């Protein structure tokens, strides 16, 4: 499946999971969001795996 990508200034929207910054995503979710305070990094990593990938 081909990835979709669009950029507007410094913002990038993409379906390419290899471009995700898991550390940045985890930091935001765990420390700044109200809906995922304290979420373990392992869960964020699992959520960003490509569909059908083996579990870590």
N, C-alpha and C. Protein backbone atom coordinates (compact mmCIF):
# COMPACT_ATOMS: atom_id res chain seq x y z
N UNK A 1 0.82 -1.17 0.00
CA UNK A 1 0.00 0.00 0.00
C UNK A 1 0.88 1.25 0.00
N UNK A 2 0.53 2.20 -0.80
CA UNK A 2 1.29 3.43 -0.92
C UNK A 2 0.97 4.38 0.23
N UNK A 3 2.00 5.06 0.74
CA UNK A 3 1.79 6.02 1.81
C UNK A 3 1.25 7.32 1.27
N UNK A 4 0.46 8.00 2.09
CA UNK A 4 -0.08 9.31 1.77
C UNK A 4 0.69 10.33 2.60
N UNK A 5 1.04 11.46 1.97
CA UNK A 5 1.81 12.46 2.68
C UNK A 5 1.47 13.85 2.16
N UNK A 6 1.28 14.78 3.07
CA UNK A 6 1.05 16.16 2.71
C UNK A 6 1.75 17.04 3.74
N UNK A 7 2.37 18.13 3.27
CA UNK A 7 3.10 19.01 4.17
C UNK A 7 2.61 20.44 3.99
N UNK A 8 2.49 21.13 5.13
CA UNK A 8 2.10 22.54 5.13
C UNK A 8 3.03 23.23 6.11
N UNK A 9 4.00 23.94 5.60
CA UNK A 9 5.00 24.56 6.47
C UNK A 9 5.77 23.50 7.22
N UNK A 10 5.79 23.61 8.54
CA UNK A 10 6.53 22.63 9.35
C UNK A 10 5.67 21.44 9.75
N UNK A 11 4.40 21.43 9.33
CA UNK A 11 3.49 20.33 9.66
C UNK A 11 3.50 19.27 8.57
N UNK A 12 3.62 18.01 8.97
CA UNK A 12 3.61 16.88 8.05
C UNK A 12 2.54 15.90 8.49
N UNK A 13 1.66 15.57 7.58
CA UNK A 13 0.66 14.53 7.82
C UNK A 13 1.02 13.38 6.90
N UNK A 14 1.21 12.20 7.48
CA UNK A 14 1.64 11.05 6.69
C UNK A 14 1.07 9.75 7.26
N UNK A 15 0.93 8.77 6.40
CA UNK A 15 0.56 7.43 6.84
C UNK A 15 1.79 6.54 6.95
N UNK A 16 2.98 7.11 6.73
CA UNK A 16 4.25 6.37 6.83
C UNK A 16 4.66 6.28 8.29
N UNK A 17 4.42 5.14 8.90
CA UNK A 17 4.70 4.97 10.33
C UNK A 17 6.19 5.04 10.66
N UNK A 18 7.05 4.85 9.67
CA UNK A 18 8.49 4.93 9.93
C UNK A 18 8.93 6.37 10.23
N UNK A 19 8.09 7.33 9.93
CA UNK A 19 8.42 8.73 10.18
C UNK A 19 7.90 9.24 11.53
N UNK A 20 7.21 8.38 12.27
CA UNK A 20 6.70 8.79 13.57
C UNK A 20 7.83 8.91 14.58
N UNK A 21 7.79 9.94 15.42
CA UNK A 21 8.77 10.14 16.48
C UNK A 21 8.13 9.63 17.77
N UNK A 22 8.32 8.34 18.02
CA UNK A 22 7.65 7.67 19.13
C UNK A 22 7.98 8.33 20.47
N UNK A 23 9.22 8.77 20.67
CA UNK A 23 9.59 9.42 21.93
C UNK A 23 8.78 10.71 22.14
N UNK A 24 8.60 11.48 21.08
CA UNK A 24 7.84 12.73 21.16
C UNK A 24 6.37 12.44 21.41
N UNK A 25 5.83 11.46 20.70
CA UNK A 25 4.43 11.08 20.88
C UNK A 25 4.19 10.61 22.31
N UNK A 26 5.08 9.74 22.81
CA UNK A 26 4.93 9.22 24.17
C UNK A 26 5.02 10.35 25.19
N UNK A 27 5.97 11.25 25.05
CA UNK A 27 6.12 12.36 26.00
C UNK A 27 4.85 13.20 26.05
N UNK A 28 4.29 13.51 24.89
CA UNK A 28 3.06 14.30 24.87
C UNK A 28 1.91 13.57 25.56
N UNK A 29 1.71 12.32 25.16
CA UNK A 29 0.60 11.55 25.73
C UNK A 29 0.74 11.37 27.24
N UNK A 30 1.93 10.97 27.68
CA UNK A 30 2.15 10.63 29.09
C UNK A 30 2.19 11.84 30.01
N UNK A 31 2.65 12.98 29.49
CA UNK A 31 2.87 14.12 30.38
C UNK A 31 1.97 15.32 30.12
N UNK A 32 1.46 15.47 28.89
CA UNK A 32 0.72 16.69 28.57
C UNK A 32 -0.77 16.46 28.29
N UNK A 33 -1.12 15.29 27.80
CA UNK A 33 -2.54 15.04 27.51
C UNK A 33 -3.27 14.69 28.79
N UNK A 34 -4.56 14.94 28.82
CA UNK A 34 -5.35 14.55 30.00
C UNK A 34 -5.93 13.16 29.83
N UNK A 35 -6.00 12.66 28.62
CA UNK A 35 -6.65 11.38 28.36
C UNK A 35 -5.70 10.19 28.40
N UNK A 36 -4.40 10.44 28.44
CA UNK A 36 -3.47 9.31 28.46
C UNK A 36 -2.32 9.54 29.44
N UNK A 37 -2.58 10.28 30.50
CA UNK A 37 -1.55 10.55 31.51
C UNK A 37 -0.92 9.25 31.98
N UNK A 38 0.40 9.20 31.95
CA UNK A 38 1.12 8.04 32.47
C UNK A 38 1.11 6.81 31.57
N UNK A 39 0.67 6.93 30.32
CA UNK A 39 0.63 5.77 29.43
C UNK A 39 2.04 5.19 29.26
N UNK A 40 2.19 3.89 29.39
CA UNK A 40 3.52 3.28 29.21
C UNK A 40 4.00 3.40 27.75
N UNK A 41 5.29 3.59 27.60
CA UNK A 41 5.87 3.73 26.26
C UNK A 41 5.62 2.48 25.42
N UNK A 42 5.63 1.31 26.04
CA UNK A 42 5.38 0.06 25.30
C UNK A 42 4.04 0.09 24.57
N UNK A 43 3.02 0.67 25.19
CA UNK A 43 1.70 0.74 24.56
C UNK A 43 1.74 1.68 23.37
N UNK A 44 2.43 2.80 23.50
CA UNK A 44 2.57 3.73 22.38
C UNK A 44 3.33 3.07 21.24
N UNK A 45 4.40 2.36 21.57
CA UNK A 45 5.17 1.64 20.54
C UNK A 45 4.30 0.62 19.82
N UNK A 46 3.53 -0.14 20.58
CA UNK A 46 2.66 -1.16 19.98
C UNK A 46 1.63 -0.51 19.06
N UNK A 47 1.10 0.63 19.47
CA UNK A 47 0.08 1.32 18.67
C UNK A 47 0.65 1.86 17.36
N UNK A 48 1.96 2.07 17.30
CA UNK A 48 2.56 2.63 16.08
C UNK A 48 3.15 1.57 15.17
N UNK A 49 3.05 0.29 15.57
CA UNK A 49 3.53 -0.78 14.68
C UNK A 49 2.64 -0.90 13.45
N UNK A 50 3.20 -1.26 12.32
CA UNK A 50 2.37 -1.51 11.14
C UNK A 50 1.36 -2.64 11.42
N UNK A 51 0.21 -2.56 10.84
CA UNK A 51 -0.80 -3.62 11.00
C UNK A 51 -0.21 -4.95 10.59
N UNK A 52 -0.50 -5.98 11.37
CA UNK A 52 -0.02 -7.32 11.04
C UNK A 52 1.38 -7.62 11.54
N UNK A 53 2.03 -6.64 12.17
CA UNK A 53 3.38 -6.88 12.70
C UNK A 53 3.31 -7.80 13.90
N UNK A 54 4.34 -8.61 14.10
CA UNK A 54 4.36 -9.45 15.31
C UNK A 54 4.45 -8.58 16.54
N UNK A 55 3.92 -9.05 17.65
CA UNK A 55 3.96 -8.29 18.90
C UNK A 55 5.38 -8.25 19.43
N UNK A 56 5.74 -7.14 20.08
CA UNK A 56 7.06 -7.00 20.71
C UNK A 56 7.01 -7.45 22.12
